[in-house]
Amino acid sequence: MKESAFQAKVMKYLKEKQVWHIKYWAGSQYTKEGIPDILACINGTFHGIELKTDVGQPSKLQLYNIRKIKDSGGEAYILRPKDFQAWKERWFG
């Protein structure tokens, strides 16, 4: 599954669950690089969700930001299509 198709699937699911979320668009002069693709508040907890294909690899900057979010008390992780069902069960029952 292409990352863009997976992103649409995750965004649709978050919308259905009425979760506050935003797609972070990096790459312009006004945005920071390495920020997770989706920022969300799930059950009162900040989530930084980096989307990757089942074989895609995160950059060092993405891993750094994931670690910084965790160090700050939030949840941050890489979400792949193969893990989508388990992710839904973990965070939404």
PDB file of N, CA and C in Angstrom:
ATOM      1  N   MET A   1       0.843  -1.180   0.000  1.00  0.00           N
ATOM      2  CA  MET A   1       0.000   0.000   0.000  1.00  0.00           C
ATOM      3  C   MET A   1       0.888   1.244   0.000  1.00  0.00           C
ATOM      4  N   LYS A   2       0.580   2.160  -0.885  1.00  0.00           N
ATOM      5  CA  LYS A   2       1.335   3.410  -0.951  1.00  0.00           C
ATOM      6  C   LYS A   2       1.080   4.222   0.309  1.00  0.00           C
ATOM      7  N   GLU A   3       2.082   5.015   0.706  1.00  0.00           N
ATOM      8  CA  GLU A   3       1.946   5.819   1.916  1.00  0.00           C
ATOM      9  C   GLU A   3       0.763   6.786   1.823  1.00  0.00           C
ATOM     10  N   SER A   4       0.534   7.359   0.650  1.00  0.00           N
ATOM     11  CA  SER A   4      -0.578   8.311   0.504  1.00  0.00           C
ATOM     12  C   SER A   4      -1.932   7.627   0.708  1.00  0.00           C
ATOM     13  N   ALA A   5      -2.077   6.398   0.224  1.00  0.00           N
ATOM     14  CA  ALA A   5      -3.326   5.656   0.420  1.00  0.00           C
ATOM     15  C   ALA A   5      -3.496   5.277   1.882  1.00  0.00           C
ATOM     16  N   PHE A   6      -2.409   4.895   2.523  1.00  0.00           N
ATOM     17  CA  PHE A   6      -2.462   4.559   3.944  1.00  0.00           C
ATOM     18  C   PHE A   6      -2.813   5.800   4.776  1.00  0.00           C
ATOM     19  N   GLN A   7      -2.225   6.910   4.412  1.00  0.00           N
ATOM     20  CA  GLN A   7      -2.526   8.166   5.102  1.00  0.00           C
ATOM     21  C   GLN A   7      -4.015   8.488   5.027  1.00  0.00           C
ATOM     22  N   ALA A   8      -4.601   8.339   3.865  1.00  0.00           N
ATOM     23  CA  ALA A   8      -6.034   8.605   3.689  1.00  0.00           C
ATOM     24  C   ALA A   8      -6.859   7.676   4.579  1.00  0.00           C
ATOM     25  N   LYS A   9      -6.445   6.423   4.694  1.00  0.00           N
ATOM     26  CA  LYS A   9      -7.145   5.440   5.518  1.00  0.00           C
ATOM     27  C   LYS A   9      -7.081   5.823   7.005  1.00  0.00           C
ATOM     28  N   VAL A  10      -5.901   6.227   7.458  1.00  0.00           N
ATOM     29  CA  VAL A  10      -5.729   6.624   8.860  1.00  0.00           C
ATOM     30  C   VAL A  10      -6.529   7.894   9.155  1.00  0.00           C
ATOM     31  N   MET A  11      -6.454   8.870   8.271  1.00  0.00           N
ATOM     32  CA  MET A  11      -7.177  10.133   8.467  1.00  0.00           C
ATOM     33  C   MET A  11      -8.691   9.874   8.511  1.00  0.00           C
ATOM     34  N   LYS A  12      -9.176   9.012   7.634  1.00  0.00           N
ATOM     35  CA  LYS A  12     -10.604   8.674   7.620  1.00  0.00           C
ATOM     36  C   LYS A  12     -11.014   8.030   8.934  1.00  0.00           C
ATOM     37  N   TYR A  13     -10.184   7.129   9.433  1.00  0.00           N
ATOM     38  CA  TYR A  13     -10.485   6.451  10.684  1.00  0.00           C
ATOM     39  C   TYR A  13     -10.525   7.448  11.844  1.00  0.00           C
ATOM     40  N   LEU A  14      -9.554   8.346  11.922  1.00  0.00           N
ATOM     41  CA  LEU A  14      -9.529   9.340  12.995  1.00  0.00           C
ATOM     42  C   LEU A  14     -10.758  10.241  12.926  1.00  0.00           C
ATOM     43  N   LYS A  15     -11.149  10.611  11.717  1.00  0.00           N
ATOM     44  CA  LYS A  15     -12.340  11.447  11.545  1.00  0.00           C
ATOM     45  C   LYS A  15     -13.587  10.702  12.019  1.00  0.00           C
ATOM     46  N   GLU A  16     -13.696   9.428  11.643  1.00  0.00           N
ATOM     47  CA  GLU A  16     -14.843   8.607  12.070  1.00  0.00           C
ATOM     48  C   GLU A  16     -14.920   8.509  13.589  1.00  0.00           C
ATOM     49  N   LYS A  17     -13.771   8.460  14.246  1.00  0.00           N
ATOM     50  CA  LYS A  17     -13.711   8.353  15.701  1.00  0.00           C
ATOM     51  C   LYS A  17     -13.804   9.728  16.380  1.00  0.00           C
ATOM     52  N   GLN A  18     -13.957  10.772  15.581  1.00  0.00           N
ATOM     53  CA  GLN A  18     -14.062  12.158  16.064  1.00  0.00           C
ATOM     54  C   GLN A  18     -12.861  12.558  16.917  1.00  0.00           C
ATOM     55  N   VAL A  19     -11.686  12.157  16.457  1.00  0.00           N
ATOM     56  CA  VAL A  19     -10.431  12.486  17.122  1.00  0.00           C
ATOM     57  C   VAL A  19      -9.885  13.769  16.513  1.00  0.00           C
ATOM     58  N   TRP A  20      -9.483  14.714  17.383  1.00  0.00           N
ATOM     59  CA  TRP A  20      -8.826  15.916  16.859  1.00  0.00           C
ATOM     60  C   TRP A  20      -7.507  15.478  16.252  1.00  0.00           C
ATOM     61  N   HIS A  21      -7.266  15.891  15.011  1.00  0.00           N
ATOM     62  CA  HIS A  21      -6.017  15.549  14.328  1.00  0.00           C
ATOM     63  C   HIS A  21      -5.750  16.561  13.227  1.00  0.00           C
ATOM     64  N   ILE A  22      -4.510  16.597  12.844  1.00  0.00           N
ATOM     65  CA  ILE A  22      -4.093  17.476  11.754  1.00  0.00           C
ATOM     66  C   ILE A  22      -2.994  16.784  10.968  1.00  0.00           C
ATOM     67  N   LYS A  23      -3.035  16.931   9.672  1.00  0.00           N
ATOM     68  CA  LYS A  23      -1.958  16.431   8.803  1.00  0.00           C
ATOM     69  C   LYS A  23      -0.895  17.509   8.766  1.00  0.00           C
ATOM     70  N   TYR A  24       0.308  17.171   9.141  1.00  0.00           N
ATOM     71  CA  TYR A  24       1.401  18.138   9.147  1.00  0.00           C
ATOM     72  C   TYR A  24       2.105  18.101   7.799  1.00  0.00           C
ATOM     73  N   TRP A  25       2.121  19.238   7.131  1.00  0.00           N
ATOM     74  CA  TRP A  25       2.776  19.349   5.823  1.00  0.00           C
ATOM     75  C   TRP A  25       4.150  19.980   5.999  1.00  0.00           C
ATOM     76  N   ALA A  26       5.181  19.213   5.843  1.00  0.00           N
ATOM     77  CA  ALA A  26       6.540  19.727   5.965  1.00  0.00           C
ATOM     78  C   ALA A  26       7.067  20.132   4.598  1.00  0.00           C
ATOM     79  N   GLY A  27       8.146  20.828   4.605  1.00  0.00           N
ATOM     80  CA  GLY A  27       8.826  21.111   3.350  1.00  0.00           C
ATOM     81  C   GLY A  27       8.749  22.548   2.876  1.00  0.00           C
ATOM     82  N   SER A  28       7.933  23.391   3.517  1.00  0.00           N
ATOM     83  CA  SER A  28       7.929  24.797   3.106  1.00  0.00           C
ATOM     84  C   SER A  28       8.875  25.569   4.016  1.00  0.00           C
ATOM     85  N   GLN A  29       9.108  26.803   3.683  1.00  0.00           N
ATOM     86  CA  GLN A  29      10.046  27.603   4.476  1.00  0.00           C
ATOM     87  C   GLN A  29       9.508  27.904   5.874  1.00  0.00           C
ATOM     88  N   TYR A  30       8.222  27.703   6.084  1.00  0.00           N
ATOM     89  CA  TYR A  30       7.613  28.029   7.367  1.00  0.00           C
ATOM     90  C   TYR A  30       7.354  26.811   8.260  1.00  0.00           C
ATOM     91  N   THR A  31       7.742  25.632   7.818  1.00  0.00           N
ATOM     92  CA  THR A  31       7.496  24.436   8.620  1.00  0.00           C
ATOM     93  C   THR A  31       8.808  23.753   8.996  1.00  0.00           C
ATOM     94  N   LYS A  32       8.761  23.022  10.104  1.00  0.00           N
ATOM     95  CA  LYS A  32       9.908  22.252  10.560  1.00  0.00           C
ATOM     96  C   LYS A  32       9.919  20.900   9.865  1.00  0.00           C
ATOM     97  N   GLU A  33      11.088  20.406   9.567  1.00  0.00           N
ATOM     98  CA  GLU A  33      11.210  19.075   8.971  1.00  0.00           C
ATOM     99  C   GLU A  33      11.304  18.027  10.072  1.00  0.00           C
ATOM    100  N   GLY A  34      10.922  16.814   9.742  1.00  0.00           N
ATOM    101  CA  GLY A  34      11.039  15.711  10.681  1.00  0.00           C
ATOM    102  C   GLY A  34       9.875  15.579  11.653  1.00  0.00           C
ATOM    103  N   ILE A  35       8.857  16.427  11.522  1.00  0.00           N
ATOM    104  CA  ILE A  35       7.681  16.353  12.384  1.00  0.00           C
ATOM    105  C   ILE A  35       6.811  15.183  11.901  1.00  0.00           C
ATOM    106  N   PRO A  36       6.210  14.417  12.823  1.00  0.00           N
ATOM    107  CA  PRO A  36       5.351  13.303  12.395  1.00  0.00           C
ATOM    108  C   PRO A  36       4.247  13.759  11.440  1.00  0.00           C
ATOM    109  N   ASP A  37       3.813  12.849  10.574  1.00  0.00           N
ATOM    110  CA  ASP A  37       2.821  13.155   9.538  1.00  0.00           C
ATOM    111  C   ASP A  37       1.483  13.609  10.103  1.00  0.00           C
ATOM    112  N   ILE A  38       1.049  12.971  11.178  1.00  0.00           N
ATOM    113  CA  ILE A  38      -0.240  13.307  11.779  1.00  0.00           C
ATOM    114  C   ILE A  38      -0.017  13.626  13.251  1.00  0.00           C
ATOM    115  N   LEU A  39      -0.572  14.745  13.679  1.00  0.00           N
ATOM    116  CA  LEU A  39      -0.580  15.121  15.087  1.00  0.00           C
ATOM    117  C   LEU A  39      -2.015  14.953  15.555  1.00  0.00           C
ATOM    118  N   ALA A  40      -2.212  14.246  16.670  1.00  0.00           N
ATOM    119  CA  ALA A  40      -3.566  13.945  17.127  1.00  0.00           C
ATOM    120  C   ALA A  40      -3.627  13.964  18.648  1.00  0.00           C
ATOM    121  N   CYS A  41      -4.831  14.128  19.167  1.00  0.00           N
ATOM    122  CA  CYS A  41      -5.081  13.995  20.597  1.00  0.00           C
ATOM    123  C   CYS A  41      -6.064  12.844  20.763  1.00  0.00           C
ATOM    124  N   ILE A  42      -5.559  11.726  21.259  1.00  0.00           N
ATOM    125  CA  ILE A  42      -6.369  10.515  21.418  1.00  0.00           C
ATOM    126  C   ILE A  42      -6.541  10.252  22.904  1.00  0.00           C
ATOM    127  N   ASN A  43      -7.784  10.280  23.355  1.00  0.00           N
ATOM    128  CA  ASN A  43      -8.103  10.051  24.771  1.00  0.00           C
ATOM    129  C   ASN A  43      -7.281  10.947  25.699  1.00  0.00           C
ATOM    130  N   GLY A  44      -7.110  12.201  25.297  1.00  0.00           N
ATOM    131  CA  GLY A  44      -6.420  13.169  26.137  1.00  0.00           C
ATOM    132  C   GLY A  44      -4.913  13.140  26.063  1.00  0.00           C
ATOM    133  N   THR A  45      -4.353  12.319  25.183  1.00  0.00           N
ATOM    134  CA  THR A  45      -2.902  12.197  25.055  1.00  0.00           C
ATOM    135  C   THR A  45      -2.466  12.647  23.669  1.00  0.00           C
ATOM    136  N   PHE A  46      -1.391  13.445  23.623  1.00  0.00           N
ATOM    137  CA  PHE A  46      -0.820  13.888  22.350  1.00  0.00           C
ATOM    138  C   PHE A  46      -0.160  12.705  21.662  1.00  0.00           C
ATOM    139  N   HIS A  47      -0.432  12.561  20.351  1.00  0.00           N
ATOM    140  CA  HIS A  47       0.177  11.505  19.532  1.00  0.00           C
ATOM    141  C   HIS A  47       0.866  12.134  18.323  1.00  0.00           C
ATOM    142  N   GLY A  48       2.104  11.759  18.102  1.00  0.00           N
ATOM    143  CA  GLY A  48       2.813  12.082  16.875  1.00  0.00           C
ATOM    144  C   GLY A  48       2.901  10.792  16.072  1.00  0.00           C
ATOM    145  N   ILE A  49       2.216  10.749  14.943  1.00  0.00           N
ATOM    146  CA  ILE A  49       2.110   9.508  14.165  1.00  0.00           C
ATOM    147  C   ILE A  49       2.866   9.675  12.852  1.00  0.00           C
ATOM    148  N   GLU A  50       3.965   8.980  12.731  1.00  0.00           N
ATOM    149  CA  GLU A  50       4.750   8.979  11.500  1.00  0.00           C
ATOM    150  C   GLU A  50       4.298   7.796  10.661  1.00  0.00           C
ATOM    151  N   LEU A  51       3.788   8.062   9.473  1.00  0.00           N
ATOM    152  CA  LEU A  51       3.293   7.003   8.598  1.00  0.00           C
ATOM    153  C   LEU A  51       4.391   6.537   7.652  1.00  0.00           C
ATOM    154  N   LYS A  52       4.518   5.245   7.528  1.00  0.00           N
ATOM    155  CA  LYS A  52       5.481   4.639   6.604  1.00  0.00           C
ATOM    156  C   LYS A  52       4.828   3.438   5.947  1.00  0.00           C
ATOM    157  N   THR A  53       5.295   3.102   4.760  1.00  0.00           N
ATOM    158  CA  THR A  53       4.895   1.838   4.147  1.00  0.00           C
ATOM    159  C   THR A  53       5.495   0.714   4.991  1.00  0.00           C
ATOM    160  N   ASP A  54       5.159  -0.505   4.675  1.00  0.00           N
ATOM    161  CA  ASP A  54       5.694  -1.622   5.449  1.00  0.00           C
ATOM    162  C   ASP A  54       7.207  -1.758   5.311  1.00  0.00           C
ATOM    163  N   VAL A  55       7.787  -1.127   4.314  1.00  0.00           N
ATOM    164  CA  VAL A  55       9.246  -1.210   4.132  1.00  0.00           C
ATOM    165  C   VAL A  55       9.947   0.145   4.244  1.00  0.00           C
ATOM    166  N   GLY A  56       9.184   1.231   4.383  1.00  0.00           N
ATOM    167  CA  GLY A  56       9.778   2.572   4.464  1.00  0.00           C
ATOM    168  C   GLY A  56      10.565   2.761   5.752  1.00  0.00           C
ATOM    169  N   GLN A  57      11.641   3.528   5.659  1.00  0.00           N
ATOM    170  CA  GLN A  57      12.498   3.761   6.817  1.00  0.00           C
ATOM    171  C   GLN A  57      12.437   5.233   7.244  1.00  0.00           C
ATOM    172  N   PRO A  58      12.361   5.486   8.552  1.00  0.00           N
ATOM    173  CA  PRO A  58      12.342   6.868   9.028  1.00  0.00           C
ATOM    174  C   PRO A  58      13.731   7.497   8.944  1.00  0.00           C
ATOM    175  N   SER A  59      13.739   8.806   8.850  1.00  0.00           N
ATOM    176  CA  SER A  59      15.012   9.529   8.852  1.00  0.00           C
ATOM    177  C   SER A  59      15.496   9.690  10.292  1.00  0.00           C
ATOM    178  N   LYS A  60      16.748  10.054  10.451  1.00  0.00           N
ATOM    179  CA  LYS A  60      17.293  10.300  11.790  1.00  0.00           C
ATOM    180  C   LYS A  60      16.534  11.428  12.468  1.00  0.00           C
ATOM    181  N   LEU A  61      16.155  12.449  11.714  1.00  0.00           N
ATOM    182  CA  LEU A  61      15.416  13.577  12.275  1.00  0.00           C
ATOM    183  C   LEU A  61      14.018  13.138  12.731  1.00  0.00           C
ATOM    184  N   GLN A  62      13.368  12.276  11.973  1.00  0.00           N
ATOM    185  CA  GLN A  62      12.061  11.756  12.388  1.00  0.00           C
ATOM    186  C   GLN A  62      12.191  10.952  13.683  1.00  0.00           C
ATOM    187  N   LEU A  63      13.201  10.113  13.778  1.00  0.00           N
ATOM    188  CA  LEU A  63      13.424   9.331  14.998  1.00  0.00           C
ATOM    189  C   LEU A  63      13.739  10.239  16.182  1.00  0.00           C
ATOM    190  N   TYR A  64      14.507  11.292  15.942  1.00  0.00           N
ATOM    191  CA  TYR A  64      14.818  12.264  17.000  1.00  0.00           C
ATOM    192  C   TYR A  64      13.538  12.911  17.522  1.00  0.00           C
ATOM    193  N   ASN A  65      12.665  13.346  16.619  1.00  0.00           N
ATOM    194  CA  ASN A  65      11.421  13.995  17.040  1.00  0.00           C
ATOM    195  C   ASN A  65      10.485  13.027  17.756  1.00  0.00           C
ATOM    196  N   ILE A  66      10.444  11.785  17.319  1.00  0.00           N
ATOM    197  CA  ILE A  66       9.651  10.768  18.023  1.00  0.00           C
ATOM    198  C   ILE A  66      10.152  10.625  19.457  1.00  0.00           C
ATOM    199  N   ARG A  67      11.462  10.563  19.619  1.00  0.00           N
ATOM    200  CA  ARG A  67      12.051  10.440  20.957  1.00  0.00           C
ATOM    201  C   ARG A  67      11.736  11.666  21.811  1.00  0.00           C
ATOM    202  N   LYS A  68      11.814  12.861  21.237  1.00  0.00           N
ATOM    203  CA  LYS A  68      11.542  14.096  21.992  1.00  0.00           C
ATOM    204  C   LYS A  68      10.076  14.166  22.438  1.00  0.00           C
ATOM    205  N   ILE A  69       9.155  13.725  21.588  1.00  0.00           N
ATOM    206  CA  ILE A  69       7.738  13.702  21.974  1.00  0.00           C
ATOM    207  C   ILE A  69       7.540  12.735  23.141  1.00  0.00           C
ATOM    208  N   LYS A  70       8.138  11.554  23.056  1.00  0.00           N
ATOM    209  CA  LYS A  70       8.032  10.584  24.152  1.00  0.00           C
ATOM    210  C   LYS A  70       8.638  11.143  25.436  1.00  0.00           C
ATOM    211  N   ASP A  71       9.788  11.798  25.326  1.00  0.00           N
ATOM    212  CA  ASP A  71      10.446  12.388  26.497  1.00  0.00           C
ATOM    213  C   ASP A  71       9.586  13.474  27.138  1.00  0.00           C
ATOM    214  N   SER A  72       8.696  14.068  26.341  1.00  0.00           N
ATOM    215  CA  SER A  72       7.817  15.130  26.836  1.00  0.00           C
ATOM    216  C   SER A  72       6.497  14.588  27.380  1.00  0.00           C
ATOM    217  N   GLY A  73       6.319  13.272  27.380  1.00  0.00           N
ATOM    218  CA  GLY A  73       5.116  12.670  27.937  1.00  0.00           C
ATOM    219  C   GLY A  73       4.044  12.317  26.924  1.00  0.00           C
ATOM    220  N   GLY A  74       4.318  12.542  25.647  1.00  0.00           N
ATOM    221  CA  GLY A  74       3.361  12.183  24.604  1.00  0.00           C
ATOM    222  C   GLY A  74       3.633  10.794  24.060  1.00  0.00           C
ATOM    223  N   GLU A  75       2.786  10.387  23.148  1.00  0.00           N
ATOM    224  CA  GLU A  75       2.966   9.123  22.429  1.00  0.00           C
ATOM    225  C   GLU A  75       3.465   9.469  21.033  1.00  0.00           C
ATOM    226  N   ALA A  76       4.465   8.776  20.562  1.00  0.00           N
ATOM    227  CA  ALA A  76       4.988   9.006  19.211  1.00  0.00           C
ATOM    228  C   ALA A  76       5.520   7.683  18.682  1.00  0.00           C
ATOM    229  N   TYR A  77       5.235   7.433  17.409  1.00  0.00           N
ATOM    230  CA  TYR A  77       5.578   6.132  16.855  1.00  0.00           C
ATOM    231  C   TYR A  77       5.449   6.149  15.342  1.00  0.00           C
ATOM    232  N   ILE A  78       5.976   5.087  14.751  1.00  0.00           N
ATOM    233  CA  ILE A  78       5.830   4.849  13.320  1.00  0.00           C
ATOM    234  C   ILE A  78       4.659   3.884  13.156  1.00  0.00           C
ATOM    235  N   LEU A  79       3.718   4.250  12.302  1.00  0.00           N
ATOM    236  CA  LEU A  79       2.565   3.392  12.030  1.00  0.00           C
ATOM    237  C   LEU A  79       2.656   2.900  10.590  1.00  0.00           C
ATOM    238  N   ARG A  80       2.565   1.586  10.434  1.00  0.00           N
ATOM    239  CA  ARG A  80       2.656   0.950   9.124  1.00  0.00           C
ATOM    240  C   ARG A  80       1.340   0.225   8.823  1.00  0.00           C
ATOM    241  N   PRO A  81       1.028   0.020   7.540  1.00  0.00           N
ATOM    242  CA  PRO A  81      -0.207  -0.681   7.196  1.00  0.00           C
ATOM    243  C   PRO A  81      -0.368  -2.025   7.908  1.00  0.00           C
ATOM    244  N   LYS A  82       0.713  -2.781   8.042  1.00  0.00           N
ATOM    245  CA  LYS A  82       0.631  -4.101   8.673  1.00  0.00           C
ATOM    246  C   LYS A  82       0.267  -4.011  10.151  1.00  0.00           C
ATOM    247  N   ASP A  83       0.455  -2.843  10.760  1.00  0.00           N
ATOM    248  CA  ASP A  83       0.177  -2.658  12.187  1.00  0.00           C
ATOM    249  C   ASP A  83      -1.114  -1.889  12.444  1.00  0.00           C
ATOM    250  N   PHE A  84      -1.850  -1.539  11.398  1.00  0.00           N
ATOM    251  CA  PHE A  84      -3.017  -0.667  11.533  1.00  0.00           C
ATOM    252  C   PHE A  84      -4.096  -1.279  12.431  1.00  0.00           C
ATOM    253  N   GLN A  85      -4.405  -2.546  12.246  1.00  0.00           N
ATOM    254  CA  GLN A  85      -5.443  -3.186  13.059  1.00  0.00           C
ATOM    255  C   GLN A  85      -5.047  -3.214  14.531  1.00  0.00           C
ATOM    256  N   ALA A  86      -3.819  -3.577  14.821  1.00  0.00           N
ATOM    257  CA  ALA A  86      -3.346  -3.612  16.213  1.00  0.00           C
ATOM    258  C   ALA A  86      -3.360  -2.211  16.819  1.00  0.00           C
ATOM    259  N   TRP A  87      -3.021  -1.194  16.033  1.00  0.00           N
ATOM    260  CA  TRP A  87      -3.053   0.195  16.498  1.00  0.00           C
ATOM    261  C   TRP A  87      -4.478   0.586  16.872  1.00  0.00           C
ATOM    262  N   LYS A  88      -5.442   0.252  16.033  1.00  0.00           N
ATOM    263  CA  LYS A  88      -6.843   0.573  16.325  1.00  0.00           C
ATOM    264  C   LYS A  88      -7.285  -0.107  17.625  1.00  0.00           C
ATOM    265  N   GLU A  89      -6.916  -1.354  17.802  1.00  0.00           N
ATOM    266  CA  GLU A  89      -7.310  -2.092  19.005  1.00  0.00           C
ATOM    267  C   GLU A  89      -6.642  -1.512  20.251  1.00  0.00           C
ATOM    268  N   ARG A  90      -5.399  -1.098  20.127  1.00  0.00           N
ATOM    269  CA  ARG A  90      -4.661  -0.561  21.291  1.00  0.00           C
ATOM    270  C   ARG A  90      -5.266   0.772  21.748  1.00  0.00           C
ATOM    271  N   TRP A  91      -5.512   1.673  20.817  1.00  0.00           N
ATOM    272  CA  TRP A  91      -5.923   3.028  21.200  1.00  0.00           C
ATOM    273  C   TRP A  91      -7.418   3.251  21.221  1.00  0.00           C
ATOM    274  N   PHE A  92      -8.186   2.375  20.577  1.00  0.00           N
ATOM    275  CA  PHE A  92      -9.620   2.604  20.494  1.00  0.00           C
ATOM    276  C   PHE A  92     -10.452   1.414  20.972  1.00  0.00           C
ATOM    277  N   GLY A  93      -9.771   0.364  21.450  1.00  0.00           N
ATOM    278  CA  GLY A  93     -10.504  -0.792  21.973  1.00  0.00           C
ATOM    279  C   GLY A  93     -10.996  -1.619  20.897  1.00  0.00           C
TER     280      GLY A  93
END
